[in-house]
Amino acid sequence: MAEEDIVYQAKMKVERAQRHYHSVLGRYNDLKAKLDGSEDSSDPATHMAHGFKEMNVSDAEADLREARDEMNAAQMEYAKLIKRD
């Protein structure tokens, strides 16, 4: 594969990673807002629903960290390639 094709592929990988990160960030923000708007009460059903919202936010935080790491790795790879030119 030609050098310019490799650089182009790396650039596309960065763009995909950025779109994925922003998608996950939006999901995280939505879940966080729902959690912040709910109350943890003594009512068992409400307490359980709040617990599920906390788990969803926790899962979204892990997904967000993973997406950020993938985006950063793609950006570093692309930066190395364009530095060589």
PDB file of N, CA and C in Angstrom:
ATOM      1  N   MET A   1       0.851  -1.173   0.000  1.00  0.00           N
ATOM      2  CA  MET A   1       0.000   0.000   0.000  1.00  0.00           C
ATOM      3  C   MET A   1       0.896   1.236   0.000  1.00  0.00           C
ATOM      4  N   ALA A   2       0.524   2.206  -0.778  1.00  0.00           N
ATOM      5  CA  ALA A   2       1.304   3.433  -0.894  1.00  0.00           C
ATOM      6  C   ALA A   2       1.219   4.223   0.412  1.00  0.00           C
ATOM      7  N   GLU A   3       2.263   5.009   0.651  1.00  0.00           N
ATOM      8  CA  GLU A   3       2.346   5.818   1.878  1.00  0.00           C
ATOM      9  C   GLU A   3       1.127   6.730   2.029  1.00  0.00           C
ATOM     10  N   GLU A   4       0.701   7.343   0.921  1.00  0.00           N
ATOM     11  CA  GLU A   4      -0.449   8.255   1.011  1.00  0.00           C
ATOM     12  C   GLU A   4      -1.728   7.501   1.357  1.00  0.00           C
ATOM     13  N   ASP A   5      -1.833   6.245   0.902  1.00  0.00           N
ATOM     14  CA  ASP A   5      -3.000   5.429   1.267  1.00  0.00           C
ATOM     15  C   ASP A   5      -2.990   5.096   2.759  1.00  0.00           C
ATOM     16  N   ILE A   6      -1.826   4.811   3.284  1.00  0.00           N
ATOM     17  CA  ILE A   6      -1.688   4.503   4.709  1.00  0.00           C
ATOM     18  C   ILE A   6      -2.074   5.719   5.545  1.00  0.00           C
ATOM     19  N   VAL A   7      -1.612   6.891   5.141  1.00  0.00           N
ATOM     20  CA  VAL A   7      -1.940   8.128   5.861  1.00  0.00           C
ATOM     21  C   VAL A   7      -3.442   8.388   5.776  1.00  0.00           C
ATOM     22  N   TYR A   8      -4.020   8.195   4.601  1.00  0.00           N
ATOM     23  CA  TYR A   8      -5.454   8.402   4.425  1.00  0.00           C
ATOM     24  C   TYR A   8      -6.255   7.454   5.323  1.00  0.00           C
ATOM     25  N   GLN A   9      -5.859   6.182   5.358  1.00  0.00           N
ATOM     26  CA  GLN A   9      -6.540   5.203   6.204  1.00  0.00           C
ATOM     27  C   GLN A   9      -6.447   5.588   7.678  1.00  0.00           C
ATOM     28  N   ALA A  10      -5.294   6.088   8.091  1.00  0.00           N
ATOM     29  CA  ALA A  10      -5.110   6.522   9.478  1.00  0.00           C
ATOM     30  C   ALA A  10      -6.007   7.719   9.779  1.00  0.00           C
ATOM     31  N   LYS A  11      -6.121   8.624   8.825  1.00  0.00           N
ATOM     32  CA  LYS A  11      -6.983   9.797   9.012  1.00  0.00           C
ATOM     33  C   LYS A  11      -8.442   9.367   9.149  1.00  0.00           C
ATOM     34  N   MET A  12      -8.870   8.413   8.329  1.00  0.00           N
ATOM     35  CA  MET A  12     -10.242   7.915   8.402  1.00  0.00           C
ATOM     36  C   MET A  12     -10.492   7.205   9.739  1.00  0.00           C
ATOM     37  N   LYS A  13      -9.476   6.507  10.227  1.00  0.00           N
ATOM     38  CA  LYS A  13      -9.601   5.833  11.513  1.00  0.00           C
ATOM     39  C   LYS A  13      -9.800   6.857  12.631  1.00  0.00           C
ATOM     40  N   VAL A  14      -9.081   7.975  12.563  1.00  0.00           N
ATOM     41  CA  VAL A  14      -9.239   9.049  13.548  1.00  0.00           C
ATOM     42  C   VAL A  14     -10.658   9.601  13.483  1.00  0.00           C
ATOM     43  N   GLU A  15     -11.145   9.854  12.283  1.00  0.00           N
ATOM     44  CA  GLU A  15     -12.487  10.413  12.136  1.00  0.00           C
ATOM     45  C   GLU A  15     -13.556   9.455  12.668  1.00  0.00           C
ATOM     46  N   ARG A  16     -13.412   8.169  12.396  1.00  0.00           N
ATOM     47  CA  ARG A  16     -14.370   7.185  12.920  1.00  0.00           C
ATOM     48  C   ARG A  16     -14.304   7.145  14.451  1.00  0.00           C
ATOM     49  N   ALA A  17     -13.094   7.167  14.991  1.00  0.00           N
ATOM     50  CA  ALA A  17     -12.924   7.125  16.444  1.00  0.00           C
ATOM     51  C   ALA A  17     -13.524   8.377  17.095  1.00  0.00           C
ATOM     52  N   GLN A  18     -13.366   9.525  16.455  1.00  0.00           N
ATOM     53  CA  GLN A  18     -13.948  10.756  16.999  1.00  0.00           C
ATOM     54  C   GLN A  18     -15.476  10.699  16.971  1.00  0.00           C
ATOM     55  N   ARG A  19     -16.043  10.215  15.884  1.00  0.00           N
ATOM     56  CA  ARG A  19     -17.507  10.094  15.808  1.00  0.00           C
ATOM     57  C   ARG A  19     -18.024   9.127  16.870  1.00  0.00           C
ATOM     58  N   HIS A  20     -17.319   8.015  17.037  1.00  0.00           N
ATOM     59  CA  HIS A  20     -17.711   7.027  18.043  1.00  0.00           C
ATOM     60  C   HIS A  20     -17.633   7.643  19.443  1.00  0.00           C
ATOM     61  N   TYR A  21     -16.549   8.340  19.725  1.00  0.00           N
ATOM     62  CA  TYR A  21     -16.379   8.974  21.033  1.00  0.00           C
ATOM     63  C   TYR A  21     -17.519   9.955  21.315  1.00  0.00           C
ATOM     64  N   HIS A  22     -17.843  10.785  20.341  1.00  0.00           N
ATOM     65  CA  HIS A  22     -18.897  11.778  20.558  1.00  0.00           C
ATOM     66  C   HIS A  22     -20.272  11.113  20.704  1.00  0.00           C
ATOM     67  N   SER A  23     -20.480  10.003  20.031  1.00  0.00           N
ATOM     68  CA  SER A  23     -21.719   9.244  20.185  1.00  0.00           C
ATOM     69  C   SER A  23     -21.823   8.683  21.607  1.00  0.00           C
ATOM     70  N   VAL A  24     -20.743   8.090  22.076  1.00  0.00           N
ATOM     71  CA  VAL A  24     -20.716   7.527  23.432  1.00  0.00           C
ATOM     72  C   VAL A  24     -20.848   8.645  24.466  1.00  0.00           C
ATOM     73  N   LEU A  25     -20.206   9.775  24.221  1.00  0.00           N
ATOM     74  CA  LEU A  25     -20.310  10.913  25.134  1.00  0.00           C
ATOM     75  C   LEU A  25     -21.756  11.396  25.229  1.00  0.00           C
ATOM     76  N   GLY A  26     -22.447  11.457  24.113  1.00  0.00           N
ATOM     77  CA  GLY A  26     -23.850  11.860  24.123  1.00  0.00           C
ATOM     78  C   GLY A  26     -24.705  10.891  24.933  1.00  0.00           C
ATOM     79  N   ARG A  27     -24.462   9.600  24.740  1.00  0.00           N
ATOM     80  CA  ARG A  27     -25.194   8.579  25.503  1.00  0.00           C
ATOM     81  C   ARG A  27     -24.911   8.715  26.987  1.00  0.00           C
ATOM     82  N   TYR A  28     -23.643   8.906  27.335  1.00  0.00           N
ATOM     83  CA  TYR A  28     -23.269   9.083  28.738  1.00  0.00           C
ATOM     84  C   TYR A  28     -23.969  10.310  29.337  1.00  0.00           C
ATOM     85  N   ASN A  29     -23.944  11.422  28.625  1.00  0.00           N
ATOM     86  CA  ASN A  29     -24.574  12.640  29.135  1.00  0.00           C
ATOM     87  C   ASN A  29     -26.073  12.454  29.338  1.00  0.00           C
ATOM     88  N   ASP A  30     -26.738  11.755  28.416  1.00  0.00           N
ATOM     89  CA  ASP A  30     -28.170  11.477  28.560  1.00  0.00           C
ATOM     90  C   ASP A  30     -28.444  10.633  29.805  1.00  0.00           C
ATOM     91  N   LEU A  31     -27.649   9.576  29.979  1.00  0.00           N
ATOM     92  CA  LEU A  31     -27.846   8.704  31.141  1.00  0.00           C
ATOM     93  C   LEU A  31     -27.547   9.437  32.446  1.00  0.00           C
ATOM     94  N   LYS A  32     -26.508  10.244  32.424  1.00  0.00           N
ATOM     95  CA  LYS A  32     -26.129  11.011  33.620  1.00  0.00           C
ATOM     96  C   LYS A  32     -27.236  11.992  33.987  1.00  0.00           C
ATOM     97  N   ALA A  33     -27.833  12.647  32.994  1.00  0.00           N
ATOM     98  CA  ALA A  33     -28.920  13.594  33.252  1.00  0.00           C
ATOM     99  C   ALA A  33     -30.130  12.868  33.841  1.00  0.00           C
ATOM    100  N   LYS A  34     -30.422  11.672  33.340  1.00  0.00           N
ATOM    101  CA  LYS A  34     -31.534  10.893  33.888  1.00  0.00           C
ATOM    102  C   LYS A  34     -31.258  10.493  35.332  1.00  0.00           C
ATOM    103  N   LEU A  35     -29.999  10.134  35.609  1.00  0.00           N
ATOM    104  CA  LEU A  35     -29.638   9.766  36.973  1.00  0.00           C
ATOM    105  C   LEU A  35     -29.739  10.975  37.895  1.00  0.00           C
ATOM    106  N   ASP A  36     -29.230  12.105  37.450  1.00  0.00           N
ATOM    107  CA  ASP A  36     -29.264  13.305  38.271  1.00  0.00           C
ATOM    108  C   ASP A  36     -30.691  13.773  38.528  1.00  0.00           C
ATOM    109  N   GLY A  37     -31.601  13.461  37.615  1.00  0.00           N
ATOM    110  CA  GLY A  37     -32.995  13.863  37.764  1.00  0.00           C
ATOM    111  C   GLY A  37     -33.821  12.887  38.587  1.00  0.00           C
ATOM    112  N   SER A  38     -33.239  11.754  38.938  1.00  0.00           N
ATOM    113  CA  SER A  38     -33.989  10.769  39.721  1.00  0.00           C
ATOM    114  C   SER A  38     -33.554  10.831  41.177  1.00  0.00           C
ATOM    115  N   GLU A  39     -34.405  10.331  42.015  1.00  0.00           N
ATOM    116  CA  GLU A  39     -34.099  10.331  43.444  1.00  0.00           C
ATOM    117  C   GLU A  39     -33.962   8.901  43.933  1.00  0.00           C
ATOM    118  N   ASP A  40     -33.057   8.717  44.851  1.00  0.00           N
ATOM    119  CA  ASP A  40     -32.918   7.441  45.529  1.00  0.00           C
ATOM    120  C   ASP A  40     -33.807   7.523  46.761  1.00  0.00           C
ATOM    121  N   SER A  41     -34.869   6.751  46.792  1.00  0.00           N
ATOM    122  CA  SER A  41     -35.816   6.881  47.904  1.00  0.00           C
ATOM    123  C   SER A  41     -35.938   5.566  48.655  1.00  0.00           C
ATOM    124  N   SER A  42     -36.765   5.606  49.679  1.00  0.00           N
ATOM    125  CA  SER A  42     -36.986   4.392  50.465  1.00  0.00           C
ATOM    126  C   SER A  42     -37.972   3.451  49.787  1.00  0.00           C
ATOM    127  N   ASP A  43     -38.686   3.950  48.776  1.00  0.00           N
ATOM    128  CA  ASP A  43     -39.602   3.095  48.020  1.00  0.00           C
ATOM    129  C   ASP A  43     -38.767   2.072  47.250  1.00  0.00           C
ATOM    130  N   PRO A  44     -39.015   0.783  47.472  1.00  0.00           N
ATOM    131  CA  PRO A  44     -38.173  -0.246  46.837  1.00  0.00           C
ATOM    132  C   PRO A  44     -38.113  -0.155  45.308  1.00  0.00           C
ATOM    133  N   ALA A  45     -39.225   0.125  44.667  1.00  0.00           N
ATOM    134  CA  ALA A  45     -39.228   0.190  43.198  1.00  0.00           C
ATOM    135  C   ALA A  45     -38.403   1.385  42.716  1.00  0.00           C
ATOM    136  N   THR A  46     -38.569   2.524  43.365  1.00  0.00           N
ATOM    137  CA  THR A  46     -37.813   3.718  42.986  1.00  0.00           C
ATOM    138  C   THR A  46     -36.325   3.524  43.285  1.00  0.00           C
ATOM    139  N   HIS A  47     -36.051   2.898  44.424  1.00  0.00           N
ATOM    140  CA  HIS A  47     -34.654   2.629  44.801  1.00  0.00           C
ATOM    141  C   HIS A  47     -33.986   1.704  43.791  1.00  0.00           C
ATOM    142  N   MET A  48     -34.719   0.688  43.353  1.00  0.00           N
ATOM    143  CA  MET A  48     -34.170  -0.259  42.374  1.00  0.00           C
ATOM    144  C   MET A  48     -33.958   0.417  41.025  1.00  0.00           C
ATOM    145  N   ALA A  49     -34.899   1.235  40.597  1.00  0.00           N
ATOM    146  CA  ALA A  49     -34.748   1.953  39.327  1.00  0.00           C
ATOM    147  C   ALA A  49     -33.545   2.875  39.380  1.00  0.00           C
ATOM    148  N   HIS A  50     -33.349   3.536  40.517  1.00  0.00           N
ATOM    149  CA  HIS A  50     -32.189   4.417  40.673  1.00  0.00           C
ATOM    150  C   HIS A  50     -30.887   3.610  40.583  1.00  0.00           C
ATOM    151  N   GLY A  51     -30.887   2.420  41.178  1.00  0.00           N
ATOM    152  CA  GLY A  51     -29.711   1.550  41.127  1.00  0.00           C
ATOM    153  C   GLY A  51     -29.374   1.138  39.703  1.00  0.00           C
ATOM    154  N   PHE A  52     -30.409   0.830  38.913  1.00  0.00           N
ATOM    155  CA  PHE A  52     -30.181   0.481  37.510  1.00  0.00           C
ATOM    156  C   PHE A  52     -29.616   1.672  36.736  1.00  0.00           C
ATOM    157  N   LYS A  53     -30.114   2.865  37.026  1.00  0.00           N
ATOM    158  CA  LYS A  53     -29.590   4.061  36.363  1.00  0.00           C
ATOM    159  C   LYS A  53     -28.124   4.268  36.725  1.00  0.00           C
ATOM    160  N   GLU A  54     -27.761   4.014  37.983  1.00  0.00           N
ATOM    161  CA  GLU A  54     -26.360   4.133  38.399  1.00  0.00           C
ATOM    162  C   GLU A  54     -25.486   3.137  37.647  1.00  0.00           C
ATOM    163  N   MET A  55     -25.987   1.907  37.477  1.00  0.00           N
ATOM    164  CA  MET A  55     -25.223   0.892  36.739  1.00  0.00           C
ATOM    165  C   MET A  55     -25.061   1.301  35.278  1.00  0.00           C
ATOM    166  N   ASN A  56     -26.115   1.839  34.683  1.00  0.00           N
ATOM    167  CA  ASN A  56     -26.035   2.283  33.291  1.00  0.00           C
ATOM    168  C   ASN A  56     -25.006   3.393  33.131  1.00  0.00           C
ATOM    169  N   VAL A  57     -24.979   4.338  34.061  1.00  0.00           N
ATOM    170  CA  VAL A  57     -24.002   5.426  34.000  1.00  0.00           C
ATOM    171  C   VAL A  57     -22.596   4.867  34.168  1.00  0.00           C
ATOM    172  N   SER A  58     -22.434   3.928  35.082  1.00  0.00           N
ATOM    173  CA  SER A  58     -21.121   3.317  35.296  1.00  0.00           C
ATOM    174  C   SER A  58     -20.632   2.596  34.038  1.00  0.00           C
ATOM    175  N   ASP A  59     -21.535   1.854  33.390  1.00  0.00           N
ATOM    176  CA  ASP A  59     -21.180   1.178  32.137  1.00  0.00           C
ATOM    177  C   ASP A  59     -20.830   2.193  31.055  1.00  0.00           C
ATOM    178  N   ALA A  60     -21.599   3.281  30.992  1.00  0.00           N
ATOM    179  CA  ALA A  60     -21.348   4.321  29.992  1.00  0.00           C
ATOM    180  C   ALA A  60     -20.005   5.004  30.244  1.00  0.00           C
ATOM    181  N   GLU A  61     -19.640   5.181  31.515  1.00  0.00           N
ATOM    182  CA  GLU A  61     -18.331   5.762  31.837  1.00  0.00           C
ATOM    183  C   GLU A  61     -17.207   4.866  31.330  1.00  0.00           C
ATOM    184  N   ALA A  62     -17.358   3.561  31.506  1.00  0.00           N
ATOM    185  CA  ALA A  62     -16.340   2.614  31.018  1.00  0.00           C
ATOM    186  C   ALA A  62     -16.266   2.667  29.491  1.00  0.00           C
ATOM    187  N   ASP A  63     -17.423   2.707  28.834  1.00  0.00           N
ATOM    188  CA  ASP A  63     -17.448   2.811  27.372  1.00  0.00           C
ATOM    189  C   ASP A  63     -16.800   4.110  26.909  1.00  0.00           C
ATOM    190  N   LEU A  64     -17.039   5.182  27.652  1.00  0.00           N
ATOM    191  CA  LEU A  64     -16.473   6.483  27.303  1.00  0.00           C
ATOM    192  C   LEU A  64     -14.945   6.471  27.425  1.00  0.00           C
ATOM    193  N   ARG A  65     -14.441   5.866  28.490  1.00  0.00           N
ATOM    194  CA  ARG A  65     -12.979   5.755  28.647  1.00  0.00           C
ATOM    195  C   ARG A  65     -12.369   4.946  27.507  1.00  0.00           C
ATOM    196  N   GLU A  66     -13.028   3.848  27.156  1.00  0.00           N
ATOM    197  CA  GLU A  66     -12.523   2.996  26.069  1.00  0.00           C
ATOM    198  C   GLU A  66     -12.537   3.744  24.734  1.00  0.00           C
ATOM    199  N   ALA A  67     -13.610   4.455  24.460  1.00  0.00           N
ATOM    200  CA  ALA A  67     -13.712   5.217  23.202  1.00  0.00           C
ATOM    201  C   ALA A  67     -12.665   6.335  23.169  1.00  0.00           C
ATOM    202  N   ARG A  68     -12.443   6.982  24.304  1.00  0.00           N
ATOM    203  CA  ARG A  68     -11.428   8.040  24.374  1.00  0.00           C
ATOM    204  C   ARG A  68     -10.039   7.461  24.130  1.00  0.00           C
ATOM    205  N   ASP A  69      -9.757   6.305  24.724  1.00  0.00           N
ATOM    206  CA  ASP A  69      -8.452   5.669  24.529  1.00  0.00           C
ATOM    207  C   ASP A  69      -8.239   5.284  23.065  1.00  0.00           C
ATOM    208  N   GLU A  70      -9.281   4.753  22.430  1.00  0.00           N
ATOM    209  CA  GLU A  70      -9.186   4.390  21.012  1.00  0.00           C
ATOM    210  C   GLU A  70      -8.963   5.627  20.147  1.00  0.00           C
ATOM    211  N   MET A  71      -9.655   6.705  20.469  1.00  0.00           N
ATOM    212  CA  MET A  71      -9.505   7.944  19.711  1.00  0.00           C
ATOM    213  C   MET A  71      -8.088   8.499  19.882  1.00  0.00           C
ATOM    214  N   ASN A  72      -7.596   8.503  21.111  1.00  0.00           N
ATOM    215  CA  ASN A  72      -6.238   9.002  21.358  1.00  0.00           C
ATOM    216  C   ASN A  72      -5.186   8.163  20.641  1.00  0.00           C
ATOM    217  N   ALA A  73      -5.356   6.849  20.641  1.00  0.00           N
ATOM    218  CA  ALA A  73      -4.402   5.964  19.958  1.00  0.00           C
ATOM    219  C   ALA A  73      -4.414   6.227  18.450  1.00  0.00           C
ATOM    220  N   ALA A  74      -5.613   6.403  17.890  1.00  0.00           N
ATOM    221  CA  ALA A  74      -5.714   6.676  16.446  1.00  0.00           C
ATOM    222  C   ALA A  74      -5.077   8.021  16.114  1.00  0.00           C
ATOM    223  N   GLN A  75      -5.289   9.017  16.966  1.00  0.00           N
ATOM    224  CA  GLN A  75      -4.699  10.331  16.730  1.00  0.00           C
ATOM    225  C   GLN A  75      -3.178  10.287  16.814  1.00  0.00           C
ATOM    226  N   MET A  76      -2.654   9.528  17.767  1.00  0.00           N
ATOM    227  CA  MET A  76      -1.190   9.420  17.894  1.00  0.00           C
ATOM    228  C   MET A  76      -0.593   8.695  16.686  1.00  0.00           C
ATOM    229  N   GLU A  77      -1.256   7.643  16.228  1.00  0.00           N
ATOM    230  CA  GLU A  77      -0.787   6.901  15.057  1.00  0.00           C
ATOM    231  C   GLU A  77      -0.773   7.816  13.825  1.00  0.00           C
ATOM    232  N   TYR A  78      -1.831   8.577  13.651  1.00  0.00           N
ATOM    233  CA  TYR A  78      -1.924   9.501  12.513  1.00  0.00           C
ATOM    234  C   TYR A  78      -0.842  10.581  12.617  1.00  0.00           C
ATOM    235  N   ALA A  79      -0.636  11.103  13.807  1.00  0.00           N
ATOM    236  CA  ALA A  79       0.383  12.147  14.003  1.00  0.00           C
ATOM    237  C   ALA A  79       1.777  11.622  13.650  1.00  0.00           C
ATOM    238  N   LYS A  80       2.074  10.392  14.012  1.00  0.00           N
ATOM    239  CA  LYS A  80       3.367   9.790  13.674  1.00  0.00           C
ATOM    240  C   LYS A  80       3.542   9.685  12.162  1.00  0.00           C
ATOM    241  N   LEU A  81       2.462   9.298  11.491  1.00  0.00           N
ATOM    242  CA  LEU A  81       2.543   9.133  10.041  1.00  0.00           C
ATOM    243  C   LEU A  81       2.742  10.470   9.326  1.00  0.00           C
ATOM    244  N   ILE A  82       2.050  11.496   9.745  1.00  0.00           N
ATOM    245  CA  ILE A  82       2.194  12.775   9.041  1.00  0.00           C
ATOM    246  C   ILE A  82       3.494  13.472   9.416  1.00  0.00           C
ATOM    247  N   LYS A  83       4.084  13.117  10.551  1.00  0.00           N
ATOM    248  CA  LYS A  83       5.383  13.674  10.938  1.00  0.00           C
ATOM    249  C   LYS A  83       6.495  13.146  10.035  1.00  0.00           C
ATOM    250  N   ARG A  84       6.316  11.907   9.572  1.00  0.00           N
ATOM    251  CA  ARG A  84       7.340  11.289   8.719  1.00  0.00           C
ATOM    252  C   ARG A  84       7.406  11.943   7.350  1.00  0.00           C
ATOM    253  N   ASP A  85       6.286  12.521   6.910  1.00  0.00           N
ATOM    254  CA  ASP A  85       6.245  13.126   5.567  1.00  0.00           C
ATOM    255  C   ASP A  85       7.069  14.376   5.467  1.00  0.00           C
TER     256      ASP A  85
END
